[in-house]
């Protein structure tokens, strides 16, 4: 892809634009999260889902982060049980069994209330 290529907005970008202009649109849980931490969680969970527990995020391009963000957004826009199941599988795939490692260590408890 050359730098002159324009990517169509993905689901995450559409959600963010909708949330900023209309104040919501992702459901009560998503809309209740602070934007910046939620976006980082979407990007990181998507990166780990797509590229595995050893994802080399230091070399990610803007397109890589957009792809990961879209995947993570799709995960987090599902029902709470499905989302937590994906996080559990990511933790196990990374060789972790304790909830105090992996995403929990980086982001703390996911607010499900």
C-alpha atoms as a PDB file:
ATOM      1  CA  UNK A   1       0.000   0.000   0.000  1.00  0.00           C
ATOM      2  CA  UNK A   2       1.366   3.416  -0.872  1.00  0.00           C
ATOM      3  CA  UNK A   3       0.954   6.481   1.347  1.00  0.00           C
ATOM      4  CA  UNK A   4      -1.481   7.962  -1.180  1.00  0.00           C
ATOM      5  CA  UNK A   5      -3.942   5.107  -0.687  1.00  0.00           C
ATOM      6  CA  UNK A   6      -6.965   6.061   1.382  1.00  0.00           C
ATOM      7  CA  UNK A   7      -8.513   3.406   3.555  1.00  0.00           C
ATOM      8  CA  UNK A   8     -12.249   3.293   4.025  1.00  0.00           C
ATOM      9  CA  UNK A   9     -13.281   3.910   7.635  1.00  0.00           C
ATOM     10  CA  UNK A  10     -13.617   0.684   9.591  1.00  0.00           C
ATOM     11  CA  UNK A  11     -16.108  -0.203  12.336  1.00  0.00           C
ATOM     12  CA  UNK A  12     -14.020   1.384  15.097  1.00  0.00           C
ATOM     13  CA  UNK A  13     -13.594   4.685  13.278  1.00  0.00           C
ATOM     14  CA  UNK A  14     -17.309   4.763  12.445  1.00  0.00           C
ATOM     15  CA  UNK A  15     -18.137   4.136  16.118  1.00  0.00           C
ATOM     16  CA  UNK A  16     -15.785   6.869  17.364  1.00  0.00           C
ATOM     17  CA  UNK A  17     -17.147   9.427  14.891  1.00  0.00           C
ATOM     18  CA  UNK A  18     -20.710   8.444  15.805  1.00  0.00           C
ATOM     19  CA  UNK A  19     -19.981   8.633  19.501  1.00  0.00           C
ATOM     20  CA  UNK A  20     -18.349  12.046  19.212  1.00  0.00           C
ATOM     21  CA  UNK A  21     -21.147  13.482  17.082  1.00  0.00           C
ATOM     22  CA  UNK A  22     -24.202  11.730  18.529  1.00  0.00           C
ATOM     23  CA  UNK A  23     -22.926  10.821  21.993  1.00  0.00           C
ATOM     24  CA  UNK A  24     -23.251   7.056  21.674  1.00  0.00           C
ATOM     25  CA  UNK A  25     -24.181   4.186  19.472  1.00  0.00           C
ATOM     26  CA  UNK A  26     -22.166   1.250  20.769  1.00  0.00           C
ATOM     27  CA  UNK A  27     -24.423   0.097  23.537  1.00  0.00           C
ATOM     28  CA  UNK A  28     -24.429   0.977  27.220  1.00  0.00           C
ATOM     29  CA  UNK A  29     -21.168  -0.797  28.110  1.00  0.00           C
ATOM     30  CA  UNK A  30     -19.087   0.653  25.258  1.00  0.00           C
ATOM     31  CA  UNK A  31     -20.575   4.107  25.558  1.00  0.00           C
ATOM     32  CA  UNK A  32     -19.883   4.102  29.297  1.00  0.00           C
ATOM     33  CA  UNK A  33     -16.126   3.602  28.855  1.00  0.00           C
ATOM     34  CA  UNK A  34     -13.725   6.527  28.636  1.00  0.00           C
ATOM     35  CA  UNK A  35     -12.664   6.933  25.009  1.00  0.00           C
ATOM     36  CA  UNK A  36      -8.856   6.877  25.223  1.00  0.00           C
ATOM     37  CA  UNK A  37      -8.481   3.770  27.448  1.00  0.00           C
ATOM     38  CA  UNK A  38     -11.226   1.976  25.514  1.00  0.00           C
ATOM     39  CA  UNK A  39      -9.534   2.702  22.168  1.00  0.00           C
ATOM     40  CA  UNK A  40      -6.203   1.384  23.472  1.00  0.00           C
ATOM     41  CA  UNK A  41      -7.932  -1.743  24.796  1.00  0.00           C
ATOM     42  CA  UNK A  42      -9.606  -2.266  21.403  1.00  0.00           C
ATOM     43  CA  UNK A  43      -6.297  -1.879  19.582  1.00  0.00           C
ATOM     44  CA  UNK A  44      -4.351  -4.150  21.921  1.00  0.00           C
ATOM     45  CA  UNK A  45      -6.979  -6.891  22.138  1.00  0.00           C
ATOM     46  CA  UNK A  46      -7.262  -6.820  18.331  1.00  0.00           C
ATOM     47  CA  UNK A  47      -3.482  -6.937  17.881  1.00  0.00           C
ATOM     48  CA  UNK A  48      -3.226  -9.941  20.207  1.00  0.00           C
ATOM     49  CA  UNK A  49      -6.149 -11.661  18.490  1.00  0.00           C
ATOM     50  CA  UNK A  50      -4.751 -11.131  14.990  1.00  0.00           C
ATOM     51  CA  UNK A  51      -1.024 -11.545  15.596  1.00  0.00           C
ATOM     52  CA  UNK A  52      -0.930 -13.671  18.746  1.00  0.00           C
ATOM     53  CA  UNK A  53       0.617 -13.150  22.154  1.00  0.00           C
ATOM     54  CA  UNK A  54       3.984 -12.214  20.686  1.00  0.00           C
ATOM     55  CA  UNK A  55       2.631  -9.499  18.391  1.00  0.00           C
ATOM     56  CA  UNK A  56       5.450  -7.129  17.453  1.00  0.00           C
ATOM     57  CA  UNK A  57       3.474  -3.970  18.071  1.00  0.00           C
ATOM     58  CA  UNK A  58       6.561  -1.749  18.092  1.00  0.00           C
ATOM     59  CA  UNK A  59       6.663  -2.150  14.310  1.00  0.00           C
ATOM     60  CA  UNK A  60       2.958  -1.580  13.691  1.00  0.00           C
ATOM     61  CA  UNK A  61       1.966   0.911  11.033  1.00  0.00           C
ATOM     62  CA  UNK A  62      -1.119   3.098  11.245  1.00  0.00           C
ATOM     63  CA  UNK A  63      -2.881   0.524   9.077  1.00  0.00           C
ATOM     64  CA  UNK A  64      -1.897  -2.286  11.464  1.00  0.00           C
ATOM     65  CA  UNK A  65      -3.321  -0.351  14.423  1.00  0.00           C
ATOM     66  CA  UNK A  66      -6.504   0.401  12.476  1.00  0.00           C
ATOM     67  CA  UNK A  67      -6.882  -3.297  11.613  1.00  0.00           C
ATOM     68  CA  UNK A  68      -6.277  -4.316  15.226  1.00  0.00           C
ATOM     69  CA  UNK A  69      -8.643  -1.639  16.485  1.00  0.00           C
ATOM     70  CA  UNK A  70     -11.423  -2.892  14.218  1.00  0.00           C
ATOM     71  CA  UNK A  71     -10.949  -6.484  15.405  1.00  0.00           C
ATOM     72  CA  UNK A  72     -10.827  -5.391  19.055  1.00  0.00           C
ATOM     73  CA  UNK A  73     -13.901  -3.221  18.625  1.00  0.00           C
ATOM     74  CA  UNK A  74     -15.816  -6.165  17.192  1.00  0.00           C
ATOM     75  CA  UNK A  75     -14.773  -8.235  20.229  1.00  0.00           C
ATOM     76  CA  UNK A  76     -15.742  -5.573  22.747  1.00  0.00           C
ATOM     77  CA  UNK A  77     -19.058  -4.775  21.077  1.00  0.00           C
ATOM     78  CA  UNK A  78     -20.291  -8.316  21.713  1.00  0.00           C
ATOM     79  CA  UNK A  79     -22.095  -9.505  24.786  1.00  0.00           C
ATOM     80  CA  UNK A  80     -20.104  -9.266  28.022  1.00  0.00           C
ATOM     81  CA  UNK A  81     -19.692 -13.050  28.341  1.00  0.00           C
ATOM     82  CA  UNK A  82     -18.318 -13.366  24.789  1.00  0.00           C
ATOM     83  CA  UNK A  83     -15.912 -10.483  25.314  1.00  0.00           C
ATOM     84  CA  UNK A  84     -14.572 -11.915  28.578  1.00  0.00           C
ATOM     85  CA  UNK A  85     -14.203 -15.335  26.918  1.00  0.00           C
ATOM     86  CA  UNK A  86     -12.011 -13.804  24.200  1.00  0.00           C
ATOM     87  CA  UNK A  87      -9.870 -12.097  26.861  1.00  0.00           C
ATOM     88  CA  UNK A  88      -9.534 -15.408  28.721  1.00  0.00           C
ATOM     89  CA  UNK A  89      -8.437 -17.194  25.524  1.00  0.00           C
ATOM     90  CA  UNK A  90      -5.881 -14.448  24.839  1.00  0.00           C
ATOM     91  CA  UNK A  91      -4.502 -14.825  28.347  1.00  0.00           C
ATOM     92  CA  UNK A  92      -4.204 -18.602  28.002  1.00  0.00           C
ATOM     93  CA  UNK A  93      -2.669 -18.290  24.511  1.00  0.00           C
ATOM     94  CA  UNK A  94      -0.038 -16.049  26.046  1.00  0.00           C
ATOM     95  CA  UNK A  95       0.853 -18.770  28.549  1.00  0.00           C
ATOM     96  CA  UNK A  96      -0.961 -17.102  31.424  1.00  0.00           C
ATOM     97  CA  UNK A  97      -3.493 -18.694  33.715  1.00  0.00           C
ATOM     98  CA  UNK A  98      -3.740 -15.993  36.389  1.00  0.00           C
ATOM     99  CA  UNK A  99      -6.001 -13.011  35.803  1.00  0.00           C
ATOM    100  CA  UNK A 100      -3.252 -10.841  37.278  1.00  0.00           C
ATOM    101  CA  UNK A 101      -1.104 -11.138  34.170  1.00  0.00           C
ATOM    102  CA  UNK A 102      -1.666 -10.263  30.529  1.00  0.00           C
ATOM    103  CA  UNK A 103      -4.420  -7.703  29.837  1.00  0.00           C
ATOM    104  CA  UNK A 104      -5.317  -7.422  33.517  1.00  0.00           C
ATOM    105  CA  UNK A 105      -1.806  -6.323  34.370  1.00  0.00           C
ATOM    106  CA  UNK A 106      -1.928  -3.659  31.666  1.00  0.00           C
ATOM    107  CA  UNK A 107      -5.543  -2.474  31.923  1.00  0.00           C
ATOM    108  CA  UNK A 108      -6.879  -3.616  35.296  1.00  0.00           C
ATOM    109  CA  UNK A 109     -10.328  -5.105  35.606  1.00  0.00           C
ATOM    110  CA  UNK A 110     -12.654  -4.557  32.667  1.00  0.00           C
ATOM    111  CA  UNK A 111     -15.649  -2.594  33.875  1.00  0.00           C
ATOM    112  CA  UNK A 112     -18.688  -4.754  33.168  1.00  0.00           C
ATOM    113  CA  UNK A 113     -21.201  -2.818  35.199  1.00  0.00           C
END
